[in-house]
């Protein structure tokens, strides 16, 4: 009897010493970091049009800790259900010249099949780097100002103020009309030039303004 009891206690001790399985962590890969944009907190970015007008943006939010855990509420179980971990970075810029002229970049690495990853959140499945940019002035219909970035899109070169940007993706809203709100500036930007390494380097609006980044 003593031998059996000793054996059971030994098994319990061994079980407690074993490492518990941990949730999968979809962390940024080496080739993701160059796409995260090197914009520092409180730094300024200026855009100038052909008439000499300038819009200044200041970075008032830059994520320092990338790690997040996916959690979702449930009406069946009180509190939040927690799943896998993933990396996420947010950069928010606001204009000191104009109210509501916000630009917000969001990046993450997320499993391609989210439901599969949630069903077994201890296993890491194939993942993908995702990016989007919210531009308040964007007049895209149905996207609420958000442009989803397809990093596989065709790129071109743009020479702006002596700097050659080599990986520029062009986004066009295909909307010839501004989106007008009674209490906010009209959204009239219909073309955005996005460099994969440097972010938005220029944009055009329906008033024939061509805004380009100042170096």
C-alpha atoms as a PDB file:
ATOM      1  CA  UNK A   1       0.000   0.000   0.000  1.00  0.00           C
ATOM      2  CA  UNK A   2       2.836   2.361   0.873  1.00  0.00           C
ATOM      3  CA  UNK A   3       4.546   1.599  -2.435  1.00  0.00           C
ATOM      4  CA  UNK A   4       1.339   2.379  -4.384  1.00  0.00           C
ATOM      5  CA  UNK A   5       0.853   5.647  -2.501  1.00  0.00           C
ATOM      6  CA  UNK A   6       4.479   6.616  -3.113  1.00  0.00           C
ATOM      7  CA  UNK A   7       4.071   5.879  -6.848  1.00  0.00           C
ATOM      8  CA  UNK A   8       0.944   8.065  -7.112  1.00  0.00           C
ATOM      9  CA  UNK A   9       2.625  10.976  -5.304  1.00  0.00           C
ATOM     10  CA  UNK A  10       5.665  10.657  -7.580  1.00  0.00           C
ATOM     11  CA  UNK A  11       3.447  10.819 -10.680  1.00  0.00           C
ATOM     12  CA  UNK A  12       1.714  13.928  -9.347  1.00  0.00           C
ATOM     13  CA  UNK A  13       5.050  15.644  -8.704  1.00  0.00           C
ATOM     14  CA  UNK A  14       6.324  14.796 -12.189  1.00  0.00           C
ATOM     15  CA  UNK A  15       3.088  16.075 -13.753  1.00  0.00           C
ATOM     16  CA  UNK A  16       3.361  19.361 -11.865  1.00  0.00           C
ATOM     17  CA  UNK A  17       6.980  19.815 -12.969  1.00  0.00           C
ATOM     18  CA  UNK A  18       6.153  19.470 -16.642  1.00  0.00           C
ATOM     19  CA  UNK A  19       5.755  22.637 -18.628  1.00  0.00           C
ATOM     20  CA  UNK A  20       2.135  23.479 -19.344  1.00  0.00           C
ATOM     21  CA  UNK A  21       1.334  23.989 -23.024  1.00  0.00           C
ATOM     22  CA  UNK A  22       1.072  27.638 -23.981  1.00  0.00           C
ATOM     23  CA  UNK A  23      -1.062  29.375 -26.573  1.00  0.00           C
ATOM     24  CA  UNK A  24       0.386  29.872 -30.041  1.00  0.00           C
ATOM     25  CA  UNK A  25       2.126  33.192 -30.642  1.00  0.00           C
ATOM     26  CA  UNK A  26       1.989  34.719 -34.116  1.00  0.00           C
ATOM     27  CA  UNK A  27       4.905  37.106 -33.775  1.00  0.00           C
ATOM     28  CA  UNK A  28       6.289  39.453 -36.415  1.00  0.00           C
ATOM     29  CA  UNK A  29       8.819  37.825 -38.751  1.00  0.00           C
ATOM     30  CA  UNK A  30      12.092  39.378 -39.841  1.00  0.00           C
ATOM     31  CA  UNK A  31      10.710  40.555 -43.186  1.00  0.00           C
ATOM     32  CA  UNK A  32       7.685  42.127 -41.446  1.00  0.00           C
ATOM     33  CA  UNK A  33       9.668  44.722 -39.549  1.00  0.00           C
ATOM     34  CA  UNK A  34      10.654  46.789 -42.600  1.00  0.00           C
ATOM     35  CA  UNK A  35       6.937  47.240 -43.337  1.00  0.00           C
ATOM     36  CA  UNK A  36       6.083  48.492 -39.834  1.00  0.00           C
ATOM     37  CA  UNK A  37       7.152  52.067 -40.696  1.00  0.00           C
ATOM     38  CA  UNK A  38       9.885  53.807 -38.739  1.00  0.00           C
ATOM     39  CA  UNK A  39       7.765  56.643 -37.339  1.00  0.00           C
ATOM     40  CA  UNK A  40       8.688  57.837 -33.856  1.00  0.00           C
ATOM     41  CA  UNK A  41       6.338  59.158 -31.205  1.00  0.00           C
ATOM     42  CA  UNK A  42       5.876  62.974 -31.410  1.00  0.00           C
ATOM     43  CA  UNK A  43       7.654  63.144 -34.769  1.00  0.00           C
ATOM     44  CA  UNK A  44       6.072  65.263 -37.508  1.00  0.00           C
ATOM     45  CA  UNK A  45       5.312  64.520 -41.146  1.00  0.00           C
ATOM     46  CA  UNK A  46       4.439  67.305 -43.556  1.00  0.00           C
ATOM     47  CA  UNK A  47       2.689  67.235 -46.923  1.00  0.00           C
ATOM     48  CA  UNK A  48       2.840  70.164 -49.337  1.00  0.00           C
ATOM     49  CA  UNK A  49       0.784  70.823 -52.452  1.00  0.00           C
ATOM     50  CA  UNK A  50       1.763  72.561 -55.677  1.00  0.00           C
ATOM     51  CA  UNK A  51       0.432  75.870 -54.350  1.00  0.00           C
ATOM     52  CA  UNK A  52       2.626  75.871 -51.253  1.00  0.00           C
ATOM     53  CA  UNK A  53      -0.047  74.846 -48.739  1.00  0.00           C
ATOM     54  CA  UNK A  54       1.194  72.518 -45.988  1.00  0.00           C
ATOM     55  CA  UNK A  55      -0.547  69.949 -43.783  1.00  0.00           C
ATOM     56  CA  UNK A  56       1.439  68.871 -40.712  1.00  0.00           C
ATOM     57  CA  UNK A  57       0.822  65.577 -38.922  1.00  0.00           C
ATOM     58  CA  UNK A  58       2.197  64.611 -35.510  1.00  0.00           C
ATOM     59  CA  UNK A  59       2.507  61.024 -34.292  1.00  0.00           C
ATOM     60  CA  UNK A  60       0.613  60.932 -30.987  1.00  0.00           C
ATOM     61  CA  UNK A  61       0.469  57.126 -30.698  1.00  0.00           C
ATOM     62  CA  UNK A  62       3.112  54.529 -31.573  1.00  0.00           C
ATOM     63  CA  UNK A  63       2.844  50.991 -30.191  1.00  0.00           C
ATOM     64  CA  UNK A  64       5.857  49.910 -28.163  1.00  0.00           C
ATOM     65  CA  UNK A  65       4.673  46.495 -26.938  1.00  0.00           C
ATOM     66  CA  UNK A  66       3.552  44.410 -29.901  1.00  0.00           C
ATOM     67  CA  UNK A  67       2.223  41.331 -28.083  1.00  0.00           C
ATOM     68  CA  UNK A  68      -1.559  40.941 -27.828  1.00  0.00           C
ATOM     69  CA  UNK A  69      -3.914  38.107 -27.034  1.00  0.00           C
ATOM     70  CA  UNK A  70      -7.098  37.575 -28.971  1.00  0.00           C
ATOM     71  CA  UNK A  71     -10.084  37.626 -26.646  1.00  0.00           C
ATOM     72  CA  UNK A  72     -13.772  37.577 -27.396  1.00  0.00           C
ATOM     73  CA  UNK A  73     -16.795  37.930 -25.173  1.00  0.00           C
ATOM     74  CA  UNK A  74     -19.505  35.320 -24.899  1.00  0.00           C
ATOM     75  CA  UNK A  75     -23.073  35.545 -23.655  1.00  0.00           C
ATOM     76  CA  UNK A  76     -22.807  31.911 -22.532  1.00  0.00           C
ATOM     77  CA  UNK A  77     -19.660  32.256 -20.426  1.00  0.00           C
ATOM     78  CA  UNK A  78     -19.176  35.462 -18.389  1.00  0.00           C
ATOM     79  CA  UNK A  79     -16.029  37.429 -19.194  1.00  0.00           C
ATOM     80  CA  UNK A  80     -13.804  37.046 -22.215  1.00  0.00           C
ATOM     81  CA  UNK A  81     -12.632  33.881 -23.928  1.00  0.00           C
ATOM     82  CA  UNK A  82      -8.894  34.095 -24.599  1.00  0.00           C
ATOM     83  CA  UNK A  83      -7.177  32.507 -27.581  1.00  0.00           C
ATOM     84  CA  UNK A  84      -3.775  32.753 -29.250  1.00  0.00           C
ATOM     85  CA  UNK A  85      -1.228  35.574 -29.043  1.00  0.00           C
ATOM     86  CA  UNK A  86      -0.306  37.794 -31.971  1.00  0.00           C
ATOM     87  CA  UNK A  87       1.772  40.900 -32.715  1.00  0.00           C
ATOM     88  CA  UNK A  88       0.128  44.227 -33.492  1.00  0.00           C
ATOM     89  CA  UNK A  89       1.426  47.743 -34.121  1.00  0.00           C
ATOM     90  CA  UNK A  90      -0.577  50.982 -34.359  1.00  0.00           C
ATOM     91  CA  UNK A  91       0.661  54.395 -35.456  1.00  0.00           C
ATOM     92  CA  UNK A  92      -1.729  57.333 -35.188  1.00  0.00           C
ATOM     93  CA  UNK A  93      -1.056  60.794 -36.584  1.00  0.00           C
ATOM     94  CA  UNK A  94      -3.180  63.882 -36.118  1.00  0.00           C
ATOM     95  CA  UNK A  95      -2.973  67.250 -37.804  1.00  0.00           C
ATOM     96  CA  UNK A  96      -2.407  70.400 -35.794  1.00  0.00           C
ATOM     97  CA  UNK A  97      -3.577  72.460 -38.772  1.00  0.00           C
ATOM     98  CA  UNK A  98      -6.986  70.885 -39.333  1.00  0.00           C
ATOM     99  CA  UNK A  99      -9.410  69.035 -37.075  1.00  0.00           C
ATOM    100  CA  UNK A 100     -10.166  65.395 -37.885  1.00  0.00           C
ATOM    101  CA  UNK A 101      -7.335  65.072 -40.431  1.00  0.00           C
ATOM    102  CA  UNK A 102      -6.282  61.746 -38.917  1.00  0.00           C
ATOM    103  CA  UNK A 103      -4.045  59.047 -40.403  1.00  0.00           C
ATOM    104  CA  UNK A 104      -3.867  55.727 -38.569  1.00  0.00           C
ATOM    105  CA  UNK A 105      -1.699  52.764 -39.565  1.00  0.00           C
ATOM    106  CA  UNK A 106      -2.461  49.267 -38.243  1.00  0.00           C
ATOM    107  CA  UNK A 107      -0.295  46.172 -38.717  1.00  0.00           C
ATOM    108  CA  UNK A 108      -0.528  42.643 -37.353  1.00  0.00           C
ATOM    109  CA  UNK A 109       0.495  39.057 -37.970  1.00  0.00           C
ATOM    110  CA  UNK A 110      -2.562  36.846 -37.801  1.00  0.00           C
ATOM    111  CA  UNK A 111      -3.430  33.244 -38.664  1.00  0.00           C
ATOM    112  CA  UNK A 112      -4.848  32.898 -42.148  1.00  0.00           C
ATOM    113  CA  UNK A 113      -7.672  30.662 -40.917  1.00  0.00           C
ATOM    114  CA  UNK A 114      -8.750  32.366 -37.698  1.00  0.00           C
ATOM    115  CA  UNK A 115     -11.478  29.876 -36.806  1.00  0.00           C
ATOM    116  CA  UNK A 116      -9.064  26.965 -37.133  1.00  0.00           C
ATOM    117  CA  UNK A 117      -6.554  28.774 -34.909  1.00  0.00           C
ATOM    118  CA  UNK A 118      -9.232  29.467 -32.299  1.00  0.00           C
ATOM    119  CA  UNK A 119     -10.307  25.822 -32.178  1.00  0.00           C
ATOM    120  CA  UNK A 120      -6.779  24.732 -31.263  1.00  0.00           C
ATOM    121  CA  UNK A 121      -4.998  27.788 -29.930  1.00  0.00           C
ATOM    122  CA  UNK A 122      -2.020  25.725 -28.713  1.00  0.00           C
ATOM    123  CA  UNK A 123      -0.957  25.001 -32.295  1.00  0.00           C
ATOM    124  CA  UNK A 124       0.556  27.626 -34.563  1.00  0.00           C
ATOM    125  CA  UNK A 125      -0.952  27.550 -38.041  1.00  0.00           C
ATOM    126  CA  UNK A 126       0.122  29.401 -41.219  1.00  0.00           C
ATOM    127  CA  UNK A 127      -0.101  33.150 -40.716  1.00  0.00           C
ATOM    128  CA  UNK A 128       0.006  36.354 -42.723  1.00  0.00           C
ATOM    129  CA  UNK A 129       1.247  39.897 -42.247  1.00  0.00           C
ATOM    130  CA  UNK A 130      -1.622  42.389 -42.587  1.00  0.00           C
ATOM    131  CA  UNK A 131      -1.675  46.150 -42.894  1.00  0.00           C
ATOM    132  CA  UNK A 132      -4.228  48.921 -43.267  1.00  0.00           C
ATOM    133  CA  UNK A 133      -4.300  52.688 -43.111  1.00  0.00           C
ATOM    134  CA  UNK A 134      -7.205  54.880 -42.063  1.00  0.00           C
ATOM    135  CA  UNK A 135      -7.237  58.235 -43.845  1.00  0.00           C
ATOM    136  CA  UNK A 136      -9.987  60.539 -42.639  1.00  0.00           C
ATOM    137  CA  UNK A 137     -10.058  62.454 -45.941  1.00  0.00           C
ATOM    138  CA  UNK A 138     -10.369  59.282 -48.065  1.00  0.00           C
ATOM    139  CA  UNK A 139     -13.587  59.275 -50.084  1.00  0.00           C
ATOM    140  CA  UNK A 140     -13.781  55.542 -50.682  1.00  0.00           C
ATOM    141  CA  UNK A 141     -17.341  54.273 -50.621  1.00  0.00           C
ATOM    142  CA  UNK A 142     -18.238  51.663 -48.018  1.00  0.00           C
ATOM    143  CA  UNK A 143     -14.799  51.388 -46.388  1.00  0.00           C
ATOM    144  CA  UNK A 144     -15.191  54.107 -43.720  1.00  0.00           C
ATOM    145  CA  UNK A 145     -11.886  55.708 -44.597  1.00  0.00           C
ATOM    146  CA  UNK A 146      -9.855  52.503 -44.239  1.00  0.00           C
ATOM    147  CA  UNK A 147      -7.587  51.224 -47.006  1.00  0.00           C
ATOM    148  CA  UNK A 148      -6.495  47.592 -46.722  1.00  0.00           C
ATOM    149  CA  UNK A 149      -2.952  47.197 -47.989  1.00  0.00           C
ATOM    150  CA  UNK A 150      -2.207  44.305 -50.327  1.00  0.00           C
ATOM    151  CA  UNK A 151       1.573  44.063 -50.181  1.00  0.00           C
ATOM    152  CA  UNK A 152       1.540  41.894 -53.306  1.00  0.00           C
ATOM    153  CA  UNK A 153       0.129  44.726 -55.409  1.00  0.00           C
ATOM    154  CA  UNK A 154       2.201  46.112 -58.245  1.00  0.00           C
ATOM    155  CA  UNK A 155       4.544  48.886 -57.138  1.00  0.00           C
ATOM    156  CA  UNK A 156       6.105  51.834 -58.920  1.00  0.00           C
ATOM    157  CA  UNK A 157       8.790  54.444 -58.276  1.00  0.00           C
ATOM    158  CA  UNK A 158       8.059  58.067 -57.343  1.00  0.00           C
ATOM    159  CA  UNK A 159      10.619  60.848 -57.189  1.00  0.00           C
ATOM    160  CA  UNK A 160       9.475  63.348 -54.563  1.00  0.00           C
ATOM    161  CA  UNK A 161      11.565  66.345 -53.546  1.00  0.00           C
ATOM    162  CA  UNK A 162      14.766  64.592 -54.527  1.00  0.00           C
ATOM    163  CA  UNK A 163      13.977  61.274 -52.836  1.00  0.00           C
ATOM    164  CA  UNK A 164      13.228  58.199 -54.911  1.00  0.00           C
ATOM    165  CA  UNK A 165      10.557  56.006 -53.328  1.00  0.00           C
ATOM    166  CA  UNK A 166      10.846  52.611 -54.984  1.00  0.00           C
ATOM    167  CA  UNK A 167       7.947  50.588 -53.587  1.00  0.00           C
ATOM    168  CA  UNK A 168       4.862  52.750 -54.043  1.00  0.00           C
ATOM    169  CA  UNK A 169       1.377  51.247 -54.267  1.00  0.00           C
ATOM    170  CA  UNK A 170      -1.332  53.475 -55.749  1.00  0.00           C
ATOM    171  CA  UNK A 171      -4.829  53.327 -54.253  1.00  0.00           C
ATOM    172  CA  UNK A 172      -7.719  54.939 -56.142  1.00  0.00           C
ATOM    173  CA  UNK A 173     -11.195  55.314 -54.698  1.00  0.00           C
ATOM    174  CA  UNK A 174     -12.887  55.552 -58.116  1.00  0.00           C
ATOM    175  CA  UNK A 175     -15.349  57.962 -56.499  1.00  0.00           C
ATOM    176  CA  UNK A 176     -15.600  61.310 -58.371  1.00  0.00           C
ATOM    177  CA  UNK A 177     -17.564  62.957 -55.535  1.00  0.00           C
ATOM    178  CA  UNK A 178     -16.596  64.084 -52.041  1.00  0.00           C
ATOM    179  CA  UNK A 179     -18.236  62.556 -48.989  1.00  0.00           C
ATOM    180  CA  UNK A 180     -19.847  65.445 -47.116  1.00  0.00           C
ATOM    181  CA  UNK A 181     -20.777  65.657 -43.437  1.00  0.00           C
ATOM    182  CA  UNK A 182     -22.488  68.663 -41.861  1.00  0.00           C
ATOM    183  CA  UNK A 183     -20.069  69.085 -38.948  1.00  0.00           C
ATOM    184  CA  UNK A 184     -16.777  67.802 -40.411  1.00  0.00           C
ATOM    185  CA  UNK A 185     -14.502  68.582 -43.357  1.00  0.00           C
ATOM    186  CA  UNK A 186     -15.507  66.898 -46.590  1.00  0.00           C
ATOM    187  CA  UNK A 187     -13.663  63.744 -47.530  1.00  0.00           C
ATOM    188  CA  UNK A 188     -12.251  64.458 -50.957  1.00  0.00           C
ATOM    189  CA  UNK A 189      -8.986  62.466 -51.276  1.00  0.00           C
ATOM    190  CA  UNK A 190      -9.399  60.000 -54.122  1.00  0.00           C
ATOM    191  CA  UNK A 191      -5.798  58.846 -54.713  1.00  0.00           C
ATOM    192  CA  UNK A 192      -3.258  57.712 -52.089  1.00  0.00           C
ATOM    193  CA  UNK A 193       0.382  56.843 -52.793  1.00  0.00           C
ATOM    194  CA  UNK A 194       1.655  54.352 -50.220  1.00  0.00           C
ATOM    195  CA  UNK A 195       5.302  53.346 -50.010  1.00  0.00           C
ATOM    196  CA  UNK A 196       5.793  49.945 -48.359  1.00  0.00           C
ATOM    197  CA  UNK A 197       8.789  51.188 -46.348  1.00  0.00           C
ATOM    198  CA  UNK A 198       7.771  54.802 -45.644  1.00  0.00           C
ATOM    199  CA  UNK A 199       3.963  54.833 -45.589  1.00  0.00           C
ATOM    200  CA  UNK A 200       1.914  57.548 -47.302  1.00  0.00           C
ATOM    201  CA  UNK A 201       4.215  59.676 -49.448  1.00  0.00           C
ATOM    202  CA  UNK A 202       1.488  61.571 -51.272  1.00  0.00           C
ATOM    203  CA  UNK A 203      -2.196  61.934 -52.041  1.00  0.00           C
ATOM    204  CA  UNK A 204      -4.422  63.758 -54.532  1.00  0.00           C
ATOM    205  CA  UNK A 205      -7.826  65.285 -53.923  1.00  0.00           C
ATOM    206  CA  UNK A 206     -10.827  66.252 -56.038  1.00  0.00           C
ATOM    207  CA  UNK A 207      -9.782  69.921 -55.942  1.00  0.00           C
ATOM    208  CA  UNK A 208      -6.735  69.069 -58.096  1.00  0.00           C
ATOM    209  CA  UNK A 209      -4.356  69.385 -55.149  1.00  0.00           C
ATOM    210  CA  UNK A 210      -1.330  67.113 -55.293  1.00  0.00           C
ATOM    211  CA  UNK A 211       0.018  66.679 -51.779  1.00  0.00           C
ATOM    212  CA  UNK A 212       3.521  65.258 -51.477  1.00  0.00           C
ATOM    213  CA  UNK A 213       5.628  64.417 -48.453  1.00  0.00           C
ATOM    214  CA  UNK A 214       8.305  66.936 -47.465  1.00  0.00           C
ATOM    215  CA  UNK A 215      11.721  65.453 -46.672  1.00  0.00           C
END
